[in-house]
């Protein structure tokens, strides 16, 4: 999970580091590179931002790896969230793995047809369009099929839905959930009061 979080964070982290280090004003100038002053304050800001980005991507990755989408949607609906918003949430969670799997399948199919998707940067860029085009068309087809399936099951029907499956919720899970909530509140209070 940490490796995946680093891979997801890396492109954004590189741009944040470059912009922050080269353009952030500060009093402690470490190095002058042409028209840019690399300051200690810019490096500090860049480091804090990269750590925050890594924390966000790790939290999202942990959520995606530990939460079953069906249980997430049903629990959202049980708590009063509209079925449309719950569906949007689960579609977002399921979209990334589906796109990665579809991309790998399309790349293998294009390689079987003789497309060079490996090698130098130029060959990879040339092989990008024959992969991206079918991915976009396949995603649009999936959206249409999913919307037709939802409408055939009366998804847009007004009124409360009756759920056939209930997510198991043991007393131990409830205790852990309340302890985590209390820890979150304590961390926020500690941060606001300056204790941390």
N, C-alpha and C. Protein backbone atom coordinates (compact mmCIF):
# COMPACT_ATOMS: atom_id res chain seq x y z
N UNK A 1 0.82 -1.19 0.00
CA UNK A 1 0.00 0.00 0.00
C UNK A 1 0.87 1.26 0.00
N UNK A 2 1.97 1.22 0.76
CA UNK A 2 2.85 2.38 0.81
C UNK A 2 3.50 2.63 -0.55
N UNK A 3 3.87 1.55 -1.24
CA UNK A 3 4.45 1.68 -2.58
C UNK A 3 3.45 2.31 -3.55
N UNK A 4 2.20 1.85 -3.49
CA UNK A 4 1.15 2.39 -4.34
C UNK A 4 0.90 3.87 -4.02
N UNK A 5 0.89 4.22 -2.73
CA UNK A 5 0.70 5.62 -2.34
C UNK A 5 1.83 6.49 -2.85
N UNK A 6 3.06 5.98 -2.79
CA UNK A 6 4.20 6.75 -3.31
C UNK A 6 4.09 6.96 -4.82
N UNK A 7 3.66 5.92 -5.54
CA UNK A 7 3.51 6.04 -6.99
C UNK A 7 2.44 7.06 -7.34
N UNK A 8 1.32 7.04 -6.60
CA UNK A 8 0.23 7.98 -6.87
C UNK A 8 0.66 9.42 -6.53
N UNK A 9 1.42 9.57 -5.44
CA UNK A 9 1.80 10.90 -4.97
C UNK A 9 2.95 11.50 -5.78
N UNK A 10 3.80 10.68 -6.36
CA UNK A 10 5.03 11.15 -6.99
C UNK A 10 4.85 12.24 -8.04
N UNK A 11 3.96 12.11 -9.03
CA UNK A 11 3.86 13.17 -10.04
C UNK A 11 3.47 14.53 -9.46
N UNK A 12 2.50 14.53 -8.56
CA UNK A 12 2.08 15.78 -7.94
C UNK A 12 3.15 16.31 -7.01
N UNK A 13 3.84 15.41 -6.30
CA UNK A 13 4.89 15.83 -5.38
C UNK A 13 6.04 16.50 -6.12
N UNK A 14 6.40 15.98 -7.28
CA UNK A 14 7.49 16.58 -8.06
C UNK A 14 7.14 18.01 -8.45
N UNK A 15 5.92 18.21 -8.94
CA UNK A 15 5.54 19.57 -9.34
C UNK A 15 5.45 20.50 -8.14
N UNK A 16 4.93 20.01 -7.01
CA UNK A 16 4.85 20.85 -5.81
C UNK A 16 6.24 21.22 -5.32
N UNK A 17 7.16 20.28 -5.32
CA UNK A 17 8.52 20.56 -4.87
C UNK A 17 9.19 21.58 -5.78
N UNK A 18 9.07 21.41 -7.09
CA UNK A 18 9.69 22.36 -8.01
C UNK A 18 9.13 23.77 -7.84
N UNK A 19 7.82 23.89 -7.79
CA UNK A 19 7.21 25.21 -7.66
C UNK A 19 7.53 25.82 -6.32
N UNK A 20 7.42 25.04 -5.25
CA UNK A 20 7.66 25.59 -3.91
C UNK A 20 9.11 25.97 -3.68
N UNK A 21 10.02 25.10 -4.09
CA UNK A 21 11.44 25.36 -3.84
C UNK A 21 11.94 26.53 -4.69
N UNK A 22 11.48 26.62 -5.93
CA UNK A 22 12.01 27.65 -6.82
C UNK A 22 11.30 29.00 -6.70
N UNK A 23 10.06 29.04 -6.25
CA UNK A 23 9.33 30.30 -6.27
C UNK A 23 8.90 30.82 -4.91
N UNK A 24 9.02 30.04 -3.86
CA UNK A 24 8.54 30.48 -2.54
C UNK A 24 9.55 31.46 -1.93
N UNK A 25 9.09 32.67 -1.59
CA UNK A 25 10.02 33.64 -0.99
C UNK A 25 10.35 33.25 0.45
N UNK A 26 11.48 33.69 0.88
CA UNK A 26 11.91 33.43 2.25
C UNK A 26 13.13 34.25 2.60
N UNK A 27 13.48 34.23 3.87
CA UNK A 27 14.61 35.04 4.34
C UNK A 27 15.93 34.29 4.28
N UNK A 28 15.90 32.96 4.41
CA UNK A 28 17.13 32.17 4.44
C UNK A 28 17.38 31.59 3.05
N UNK A 29 18.19 32.28 2.26
CA UNK A 29 18.51 31.83 0.90
C UNK A 29 19.66 30.83 0.98
N UNK A 30 19.43 29.62 0.47
CA UNK A 30 20.45 28.58 0.49
C UNK A 30 21.28 28.58 -0.79
N UNK A 31 20.61 28.63 -1.94
CA UNK A 31 21.28 28.58 -3.24
C UNK A 31 20.56 29.51 -4.20
N UNK A 32 21.32 30.15 -5.08
CA UNK A 32 20.73 30.97 -6.14
C UNK A 32 20.96 30.24 -7.45
N UNK A 33 19.85 29.91 -8.15
CA UNK A 33 19.93 29.23 -9.44
C UNK A 33 19.31 30.15 -10.47
N UNK A 34 20.14 30.87 -11.19
CA UNK A 34 19.64 31.83 -12.19
C UNK A 34 18.77 32.87 -11.50
N UNK A 35 17.52 33.03 -11.99
CA UNK A 35 16.65 34.03 -11.37
C UNK A 35 15.92 33.51 -10.13
N UNK A 36 16.17 32.27 -9.74
CA UNK A 36 15.44 31.66 -8.63
C UNK A 36 16.29 31.61 -7.37
N UNK A 37 15.66 31.91 -6.24
CA UNK A 37 16.30 31.77 -4.93
C UNK A 37 15.71 30.56 -4.24
N UNK A 38 16.55 29.58 -3.94
CA UNK A 38 16.09 28.41 -3.19
C UNK A 38 16.24 28.74 -1.72
N UNK A 39 15.09 28.82 -1.03
CA UNK A 39 15.10 29.23 0.36
C UNK A 39 14.77 28.06 1.28
N UNK A 40 15.17 28.20 2.51
CA UNK A 40 14.86 27.19 3.52
C UNK A 40 13.35 27.10 3.76
N UNK A 41 12.68 28.24 3.69
CA UNK A 41 11.23 28.26 3.87
C UNK A 41 10.52 27.53 2.73
N UNK A 42 11.03 27.66 1.50
CA UNK A 42 10.45 26.95 0.36
C UNK A 42 10.63 25.45 0.49
N UNK A 43 11.79 25.02 0.95
CA UNK A 43 12.04 23.58 1.14
C UNK A 43 11.15 23.04 2.26
N UNK A 44 11.01 23.83 3.34
CA UNK A 44 10.15 23.41 4.44
C UNK A 44 8.70 23.28 3.99
N UNK A 45 8.21 24.26 3.24
CA UNK A 45 6.83 24.21 2.74
C UNK A 45 6.63 23.02 1.80
N UNK A 46 7.60 22.77 0.93
CA UNK A 46 7.51 21.64 0.00
C UNK A 46 7.48 20.31 0.76
N UNK A 47 8.31 20.18 1.78
CA UNK A 47 8.35 18.94 2.55
C UNK A 47 7.02 18.71 3.28
N UNK A 48 6.47 19.76 3.87
CA UNK A 48 5.18 19.62 4.56
C UNK A 48 4.07 19.23 3.59
N UNK A 49 4.07 19.84 2.41
CA UNK A 49 3.04 19.54 1.42
C UNK A 49 3.16 18.10 0.92
N UNK A 50 4.37 17.63 0.68
CA UNK A 50 4.57 16.26 0.21
C UNK A 50 4.11 15.26 1.27
N UNK A 51 4.40 15.54 2.54
CA UNK A 51 3.96 14.64 3.62
C UNK A 51 2.44 14.61 3.68
N UNK A 52 1.79 15.77 3.52
CA UNK A 52 0.32 15.80 3.53
C UNK A 52 -0.26 15.02 2.34
N UNK A 53 0.33 15.20 1.16
CA UNK A 53 -0.15 14.46 -0.01
C UNK A 53 0.00 12.96 0.20
N UNK A 54 1.13 12.55 0.78
CA UNK A 54 1.35 11.12 1.04
C UNK A 54 0.34 10.59 2.06
N UNK A 55 0.03 11.39 3.08
CA UNK A 55 -0.94 10.97 4.08
C UNK A 55 -2.33 10.81 3.44
N UNK A 56 -2.70 11.74 2.57
CA UNK A 56 -4.01 11.66 1.91
C UNK A 56 -4.08 10.44 1.01
N UNK A 57 -3.05 10.22 0.19
CA UNK A 57 -3.09 9.07 -0.72
C UNK A 57 -3.03 7.76 0.03
N UNK A 58 -2.31 7.70 1.17
CA UNK A 58 -2.26 6.48 1.97
C UNK A 58 -3.62 6.20 2.60
N UNK A 59 -4.28 7.26 3.10
CA UNK A 59 -5.60 7.08 3.70
C UNK A 59 -6.61 6.60 2.65
N UNK A 60 -6.57 7.20 1.47
CA UNK A 60 -7.49 6.77 0.41
C UNK A 60 -7.19 5.33 -0.03
N UNK A 61 -5.91 4.99 -0.13
CA UNK A 61 -5.54 3.63 -0.50
C UNK A 61 -5.97 2.62 0.54
N UNK A 62 -5.78 2.96 1.82
CA UNK A 62 -6.21 2.07 2.89
C UNK A 62 -7.72 1.88 2.87
N UNK A 63 -8.45 2.96 2.63
CA UNK A 63 -9.91 2.87 2.54
C UNK A 63 -10.32 1.97 1.38
N UNK A 64 -9.69 2.15 0.22
CA UNK A 64 -10.06 1.36 -0.96
C UNK A 64 -9.72 -0.12 -0.77
N UNK A 65 -8.63 -0.41 -0.06
CA UNK A 65 -8.23 -1.81 0.12
C UNK A 65 -9.01 -2.53 1.21
N UNK A 66 -9.56 -1.79 2.17
CA UNK A 66 -10.22 -2.45 3.29
C UNK A 66 -11.74 -2.37 3.27
N UNK A 67 -12.32 -1.59 2.36
CA UNK A 67 -13.76 -1.40 2.36
C UNK A 67 -14.37 -2.05 1.14
N UNK A 68 -15.31 -2.94 1.38
CA UNK A 68 -16.03 -3.57 0.28
C UNK A 68 -17.04 -2.55 -0.27
N UNK A 69 -17.04 -2.30 -1.57
CA UNK A 69 -17.92 -1.27 -2.13
C UNK A 69 -19.40 -1.48 -1.82
N UNK A 70 -19.86 -2.73 -1.85
CA UNK A 70 -21.27 -2.99 -1.57
C UNK A 70 -21.62 -2.60 -0.14
N UNK A 71 -20.75 -2.94 0.80
CA UNK A 71 -21.00 -2.59 2.20
C UNK A 71 -20.97 -1.08 2.39
N UNK A 72 -20.08 -0.40 1.68
CA UNK A 72 -19.98 1.06 1.77
C UNK A 72 -21.26 1.73 1.30
N UNK A 73 -21.79 1.29 0.15
CA UNK A 73 -23.01 1.88 -0.39
C UNK A 73 -24.20 1.62 0.53
N UNK A 74 -24.33 0.40 0.99
CA UNK A 74 -25.47 0.07 1.84
C UNK A 74 -25.41 0.81 3.18
N UNK A 75 -24.22 0.98 3.72
CA UNK A 75 -24.12 1.72 4.97
C UNK A 75 -24.41 3.21 4.76
N UNK A 76 -24.00 3.75 3.62
CA UNK A 76 -24.35 5.14 3.33
C UNK A 76 -25.87 5.31 3.22
N UNK A 77 -26.51 4.39 2.52
CA UNK A 77 -27.97 4.47 2.39
C UNK A 77 -28.66 4.26 3.73
N UNK A 78 -28.13 3.39 4.57
CA UNK A 78 -28.71 3.14 5.89
C UNK A 78 -28.63 4.39 6.75
N UNK A 79 -27.60 5.20 6.53
CA UNK A 79 -27.42 6.42 7.32
C UNK A 79 -28.16 7.62 6.73
N UNK A 80 -28.94 7.41 5.65
CA UNK A 80 -29.78 8.47 5.12
C UNK A 80 -29.26 9.18 3.89
N UNK A 81 -28.11 8.75 3.36
CA UNK A 81 -27.60 9.36 2.13
C UNK A 81 -28.46 8.89 0.96
N UNK A 82 -28.73 9.78 0.03
CA UNK A 82 -29.58 9.41 -1.10
C UNK A 82 -28.90 8.31 -1.94
N UNK A 83 -29.68 7.43 -2.53
CA UNK A 83 -29.09 6.35 -3.33
C UNK A 83 -28.23 6.86 -4.48
N UNK A 84 -28.59 8.01 -5.04
CA UNK A 84 -27.78 8.56 -6.15
C UNK A 84 -26.38 8.94 -5.67
N UNK A 85 -26.29 9.63 -4.52
CA UNK A 85 -24.98 10.01 -3.99
C UNK A 85 -24.18 8.78 -3.58
N UNK A 86 -24.85 7.79 -3.00
CA UNK A 86 -24.16 6.55 -2.62
C UNK A 86 -23.62 5.84 -3.86
N UNK A 87 -24.41 5.82 -4.93
CA UNK A 87 -23.95 5.19 -6.16
C UNK A 87 -22.75 5.94 -6.76
N UNK A 88 -22.80 7.27 -6.72
CA UNK A 88 -21.67 8.06 -7.23
C UNK A 88 -20.41 7.75 -6.44
N UNK A 89 -20.55 7.63 -5.11
CA UNK A 89 -19.39 7.32 -4.27
C UNK A 89 -18.80 5.97 -4.62
N UNK A 90 -19.63 4.94 -4.75
CA UNK A 90 -19.11 3.61 -5.05
C UNK A 90 -18.58 3.54 -6.48
N UNK A 91 -19.19 4.25 -7.41
CA UNK A 91 -18.68 4.24 -8.78
C UNK A 91 -17.30 4.87 -8.83
N UNK A 92 -17.07 5.90 -8.02
CA UNK A 92 -15.76 6.53 -7.97
C UNK A 92 -14.73 5.58 -7.39
N UNK A 93 -15.09 4.87 -6.33
CA UNK A 93 -14.16 3.93 -5.69
C UNK A 93 -13.82 2.79 -6.64
N UNK A 94 -14.81 2.30 -7.39
CA UNK A 94 -14.58 1.17 -8.28
C UNK A 94 -13.97 1.56 -9.62
N UNK A 95 -13.95 2.84 -9.95
CA UNK A 95 -13.50 3.27 -11.27
C UNK A 95 -12.01 3.02 -11.50
N UNK A 96 -11.18 3.33 -10.51
CA UNK A 96 -9.73 3.23 -10.71
C UNK A 96 -9.28 1.80 -10.97
N UNK A 97 -9.66 0.82 -10.13
CA UNK A 97 -9.23 -0.55 -10.44
C UNK A 97 -9.76 -1.06 -11.77
N UNK A 98 -10.98 -0.65 -12.12
CA UNK A 98 -11.56 -1.07 -13.40
C UNK A 98 -10.77 -0.50 -14.56
N UNK A 99 -10.40 0.78 -14.47
CA UNK A 99 -9.63 1.40 -15.55
C UNK A 99 -8.24 0.79 -15.67
N UNK A 100 -7.60 0.49 -14.54
CA UNK A 100 -6.27 -0.13 -14.59
C UNK A 100 -6.35 -1.50 -15.24
N UNK A 101 -7.36 -2.28 -14.85
CA UNK A 101 -7.52 -3.62 -15.43
C UNK A 101 -7.82 -3.54 -16.93
N UNK A 102 -8.71 -2.62 -17.30
CA UNK A 102 -9.04 -2.46 -18.72
C UNK A 102 -7.81 -2.00 -19.52
N UNK A 103 -7.04 -1.08 -18.96
CA UNK A 103 -5.84 -0.60 -19.65
C UNK A 103 -4.84 -1.71 -19.88
N UNK A 104 -4.65 -2.58 -18.88
CA UNK A 104 -3.72 -3.71 -19.05
C UNK A 104 -4.22 -4.67 -20.12
N UNK A 105 -5.51 -4.92 -20.14
CA UNK A 105 -6.08 -5.82 -21.15
C UNK A 105 -5.92 -5.24 -22.55
N UNK A 106 -6.20 -3.96 -22.70
CA UNK A 106 -6.08 -3.31 -24.02
C UNK A 106 -4.62 -3.28 -24.46
N UNK A 107 -3.70 -3.00 -23.53
CA UNK A 107 -2.28 -2.98 -23.89
C UNK A 107 -1.81 -4.36 -24.36
N UNK A 108 -2.26 -5.42 -23.68
CA UNK A 108 -1.89 -6.77 -24.10
C UNK A 108 -2.47 -7.09 -25.48
N UNK A 109 -3.72 -6.66 -25.72
CA UNK A 109 -4.33 -6.91 -27.03
C UNK A 109 -3.60 -6.15 -28.13
N UNK A 110 -3.20 -4.92 -27.85
CA UNK A 110 -2.48 -4.12 -28.86
C UNK A 110 -1.09 -4.71 -29.10
N UNK A 111 -0.45 -5.22 -28.05
CA UNK A 111 0.86 -5.86 -28.24
C UNK A 111 0.72 -7.12 -29.08
N UNK A 112 -0.37 -7.86 -28.87
CA UNK A 112 -0.60 -9.07 -29.67
C UNK A 112 -0.81 -8.73 -31.14
N UNK A 113 -1.28 -7.51 -31.42
CA UNK A 113 -1.47 -7.07 -32.81
C UNK A 113 -0.20 -6.45 -33.39
N UNK A 114 0.87 -6.40 -32.59
CA UNK A 114 2.14 -5.91 -33.11
C UNK A 114 2.49 -4.49 -32.73
N UNK A 115 1.71 -3.85 -31.86
CA UNK A 115 2.00 -2.48 -31.44
C UNK A 115 3.14 -2.49 -30.44
N UNK A 116 4.10 -1.61 -30.62
CA UNK A 116 5.24 -1.51 -29.72
C UNK A 116 4.88 -0.57 -28.57
N UNK A 117 4.59 -1.13 -27.40
CA UNK A 117 4.26 -0.31 -26.24
C UNK A 117 5.38 -0.31 -25.22
N UNK A 118 6.45 -1.01 -25.51
CA UNK A 118 7.59 -1.04 -24.61
C UNK A 118 8.80 -0.54 -25.37
N UNK A 119 9.80 -0.13 -24.65
CA UNK A 119 11.00 0.39 -25.28
C UNK A 119 11.23 1.83 -24.86
N UNK A 120 11.68 2.64 -25.82
CA UNK A 120 12.01 4.03 -25.53
C UNK A 120 10.78 4.89 -25.31
N UNK A 121 11.05 6.11 -24.91
CA UNK A 121 9.97 7.06 -24.62
C UNK A 121 9.15 7.35 -25.88
N UNK A 122 9.82 7.45 -27.01
CA UNK A 122 9.12 7.75 -28.26
C UNK A 122 8.15 6.63 -28.64
N UNK A 123 8.59 5.37 -28.46
CA UNK A 123 7.72 4.23 -28.79
C UNK A 123 6.53 4.17 -27.84
N UNK A 124 6.76 4.50 -26.59
CA UNK A 124 5.65 4.48 -25.62
C UNK A 124 4.64 5.57 -25.92
N UNK A 125 5.11 6.75 -26.28
CA UNK A 125 4.19 7.84 -26.63
C UNK A 125 3.40 7.51 -27.88
N UNK A 126 4.04 6.86 -28.86
CA UNK A 126 3.36 6.47 -30.08
C UNK A 126 2.30 5.40 -29.80
N UNK A 127 2.56 4.54 -28.82
CA UNK A 127 1.62 3.48 -28.48
C UNK A 127 0.54 3.91 -27.51
N UNK A 128 0.58 5.17 -27.05
CA UNK A 128 -0.40 5.64 -26.06
C UNK A 128 -1.79 5.83 -26.65
N UNK A 129 -1.89 6.43 -27.82
CA UNK A 129 -3.19 6.71 -28.42
C UNK A 129 -3.98 5.44 -28.72
N UNK A 130 -3.37 4.38 -29.27
CA UNK A 130 -4.15 3.15 -29.50
C UNK A 130 -4.61 2.47 -28.21
N UNK A 131 -4.10 2.88 -27.07
CA UNK A 131 -4.54 2.31 -25.79
C UNK A 131 -5.60 3.21 -25.16
N UNK A 132 -5.38 4.53 -25.21
CA UNK A 132 -6.29 5.47 -24.55
C UNK A 132 -7.64 5.52 -25.26
N UNK A 133 -7.65 5.49 -26.58
CA UNK A 133 -8.91 5.54 -27.34
C UNK A 133 -9.87 4.44 -26.95
N UNK A 134 -9.45 3.16 -27.03
CA UNK A 134 -10.36 2.08 -26.61
C UNK A 134 -10.74 2.15 -25.13
N UNK A 135 -9.84 2.67 -24.27
CA UNK A 135 -10.19 2.80 -22.85
C UNK A 135 -11.35 3.77 -22.66
N UNK A 136 -11.29 4.91 -23.35
CA UNK A 136 -12.35 5.91 -23.22
C UNK A 136 -13.66 5.37 -23.78
N UNK A 137 -13.60 4.76 -24.96
CA UNK A 137 -14.82 4.19 -25.55
C UNK A 137 -15.41 3.08 -24.67
N UNK A 138 -14.55 2.23 -24.11
CA UNK A 138 -15.02 1.17 -23.22
C UNK A 138 -15.65 1.73 -21.95
N UNK A 139 -15.08 2.82 -21.42
CA UNK A 139 -15.65 3.44 -20.23
C UNK A 139 -17.02 4.04 -20.52
N UNK A 140 -17.16 4.67 -21.68
CA UNK A 140 -18.46 5.23 -22.04
C UNK A 140 -19.50 4.12 -22.21
N UNK A 141 -19.09 3.00 -22.80
CA UNK A 141 -20.00 1.86 -22.95
C UNK A 141 -20.40 1.30 -21.60
N UNK A 142 -19.43 1.22 -20.67
CA UNK A 142 -19.74 0.75 -19.32
C UNK A 142 -20.75 1.65 -18.62
N UNK A 143 -20.58 2.96 -18.78
CA UNK A 143 -21.50 3.91 -18.15
C UNK A 143 -22.91 3.71 -18.70
N UNK A 144 -23.02 3.54 -20.01
CA UNK A 144 -24.34 3.33 -20.60
C UNK A 144 -24.97 2.02 -20.12
N UNK A 145 -24.18 0.95 -20.09
CA UNK A 145 -24.71 -0.35 -19.64
C UNK A 145 -25.12 -0.29 -18.17
N UNK A 146 -24.33 0.40 -17.37
CA UNK A 146 -24.66 0.50 -15.95
C UNK A 146 -25.93 1.31 -15.74
N UNK A 147 -26.08 2.40 -16.48
CA UNK A 147 -27.29 3.22 -16.32
C UNK A 147 -28.53 2.45 -16.77
N UNK A 148 -28.42 1.67 -17.85
CA UNK A 148 -29.56 0.85 -18.29
C UNK A 148 -29.90 -0.22 -17.25
N UNK A 149 -28.89 -0.82 -16.66
CA UNK A 149 -29.13 -1.83 -15.63
C UNK A 149 -29.79 -1.21 -14.40
N UNK A 150 -29.35 -0.01 -14.02
CA UNK A 150 -29.95 0.66 -12.87
C UNK A 150 -31.41 1.03 -13.13
N UNK A 151 -31.69 1.53 -14.32
CA UNK A 151 -33.07 1.90 -14.64
C UNK A 151 -33.97 0.68 -14.72
N UNK A 152 -33.44 -0.45 -15.19
CA UNK A 152 -34.26 -1.66 -15.24
C UNK A 152 -34.58 -2.19 -13.84
N UNK A 153 -33.80 -1.75 -12.84
CA UNK A 153 -34.05 -2.15 -11.45
C UNK A 153 -34.76 -1.05 -10.67
N UNK A 154 -35.35 -0.08 -11.38
CA UNK A 154 -36.12 1.02 -10.77
C UNK A 154 -35.27 1.84 -9.80
N UNK A 155 -34.06 2.18 -10.22
CA UNK A 155 -33.16 2.95 -9.35
C UNK A 155 -33.68 4.36 -9.09
N UNK A 156 -34.32 4.97 -10.08
CA UNK A 156 -34.78 6.34 -9.93
C UNK A 156 -36.20 6.43 -9.36
N UNK A 157 -36.74 5.31 -8.90
CA UNK A 157 -38.08 5.29 -8.31
C UNK A 157 -38.08 6.12 -7.04
N UNK A 158 -39.09 6.97 -6.85
CA UNK A 158 -39.14 7.76 -5.62
C UNK A 158 -39.50 6.89 -4.42
N UNK A 159 -39.15 7.36 -3.24
CA UNK A 159 -39.47 6.63 -2.02
C UNK A 159 -38.28 5.86 -1.48
N UNK A 160 -38.45 5.31 -0.31
CA UNK A 160 -37.37 4.59 0.36
C UNK A 160 -37.19 3.20 -0.25
N UNK A 161 -35.93 2.83 -0.41
CA UNK A 161 -35.63 1.49 -0.94
C UNK A 161 -35.57 0.49 0.21
N UNK A 162 -35.90 -0.75 -0.09
CA UNK A 162 -35.82 -1.81 0.90
C UNK A 162 -34.59 -2.65 0.57
N UNK A 163 -33.61 -2.61 1.46
CA UNK A 163 -32.36 -3.30 1.22
C UNK A 163 -32.48 -4.76 1.64
N UNK A 164 -31.96 -5.65 0.80
CA UNK A 164 -32.05 -7.08 1.07
C UNK A 164 -30.86 -7.61 1.84
N UNK A 165 -29.81 -6.84 1.93
CA UNK A 165 -28.60 -7.30 2.61
C UNK A 165 -28.23 -6.29 3.67
N UNK A 166 -27.94 -6.75 4.85
CA UNK A 166 -27.52 -5.86 5.94
C UNK A 166 -26.06 -6.12 6.25
N UNK A 167 -25.30 -5.06 6.38
CA UNK A 167 -23.89 -5.19 6.67
C UNK A 167 -23.71 -5.64 8.12
N UNK A 168 -22.91 -6.68 8.36
CA UNK A 168 -22.70 -7.11 9.75
C UNK A 168 -21.95 -6.03 10.53
N UNK A 169 -22.39 -5.80 11.76
CA UNK A 169 -21.78 -4.77 12.61
C UNK A 169 -21.68 -5.34 14.02
N UNK A 170 -20.51 -5.88 14.36
CA UNK A 170 -20.33 -6.53 15.66
C UNK A 170 -20.09 -5.46 16.73
N UNK A 171 -20.32 -5.81 18.00
CA UNK A 171 -20.06 -4.85 19.07
C UNK A 171 -18.59 -4.40 19.11
N UNK A 172 -17.67 -5.31 18.80
CA UNK A 172 -16.25 -4.93 18.79
C UNK A 172 -15.98 -3.86 17.73
N UNK A 173 -16.59 -3.99 16.55
CA UNK A 173 -16.41 -2.98 15.50
C UNK A 173 -16.99 -1.64 15.92
N UNK A 174 -18.13 -1.65 16.61
CA UNK A 174 -18.70 -0.39 17.08
C UNK A 174 -17.79 0.28 18.11
N UNK A 175 -17.21 -0.52 19.02
CA UNK A 175 -16.30 0.05 20.02
C UNK A 175 -15.06 0.64 19.35
N UNK A 176 -14.49 -0.08 18.38
CA UNK A 176 -13.31 0.43 17.67
C UNK A 176 -13.66 1.70 16.91
N UNK A 177 -14.84 1.73 16.30
CA UNK A 177 -15.27 2.92 15.56
C UNK A 177 -15.38 4.13 16.49
N UNK A 178 -15.98 3.96 17.67
CA UNK A 178 -16.10 5.07 18.62
C UNK A 178 -14.75 5.50 19.16
N UNK A 179 -13.84 4.53 19.40
CA UNK A 179 -12.50 4.88 19.87
C UNK A 179 -11.73 5.67 18.81
N UNK A 180 -11.88 5.28 17.56
CA UNK A 180 -11.22 6.02 16.48
C UNK A 180 -11.79 7.43 16.35
N UNK A 181 -13.10 7.57 16.51
CA UNK A 181 -13.72 8.88 16.46
C UNK A 181 -13.22 9.76 17.60
N UNK A 182 -13.13 9.19 18.81
CA UNK A 182 -12.60 9.96 19.95
C UNK A 182 -11.14 10.34 19.73
N UNK A 183 -10.34 9.43 19.15
CA UNK A 183 -8.94 9.74 18.86
C UNK A 183 -8.83 10.87 17.83
N UNK A 184 -9.72 10.86 16.84
CA UNK A 184 -9.73 11.93 15.84
C UNK A 184 -10.06 13.27 16.48
N UNK A 185 -11.09 13.29 17.34
CA UNK A 185 -11.46 14.53 18.03
C UNK A 185 -10.31 15.01 18.91
N UNK A 186 -9.66 14.09 19.62
CA UNK A 186 -8.53 14.46 20.48
C UNK A 186 -7.38 15.03 19.65
N UNK A 187 -7.11 14.43 18.49
CA UNK A 187 -6.04 14.93 17.64
C UNK A 187 -6.36 16.32 17.11
N UNK A 188 -7.61 16.56 16.74
CA UNK A 188 -8.00 17.89 16.26
C UNK A 188 -7.88 18.92 17.36
N UNK A 189 -8.36 18.58 18.57
CA UNK A 189 -8.25 19.51 19.72
C UNK A 189 -6.79 19.78 20.04
N UNK A 190 -5.96 18.74 20.04
CA UNK A 190 -4.52 18.92 20.32
C UNK A 190 -3.86 19.81 19.29
N UNK A 191 -4.25 19.65 18.04
CA UNK A 191 -3.68 20.48 16.97
C UNK A 191 -4.12 21.93 17.09
N UNK A 192 -5.41 22.15 17.42
CA UNK A 192 -5.91 23.52 17.53
C UNK A 192 -5.36 24.24 18.76
N UNK A 193 -5.12 23.51 19.83
CA UNK A 193 -4.59 24.14 21.04
C UNK A 193 -3.08 24.28 21.01
N UNK A 194 -2.43 23.65 20.05
CA UNK A 194 -0.97 23.77 19.93
C UNK A 194 -0.21 22.75 20.75
N UNK A 195 -0.88 21.75 21.29
CA UNK A 195 -0.21 20.72 22.07
C UNK A 195 0.65 19.80 21.20
N UNK A 196 0.29 19.73 19.92
CA UNK A 196 1.06 18.88 18.99
C UNK A 196 1.76 19.73 17.97
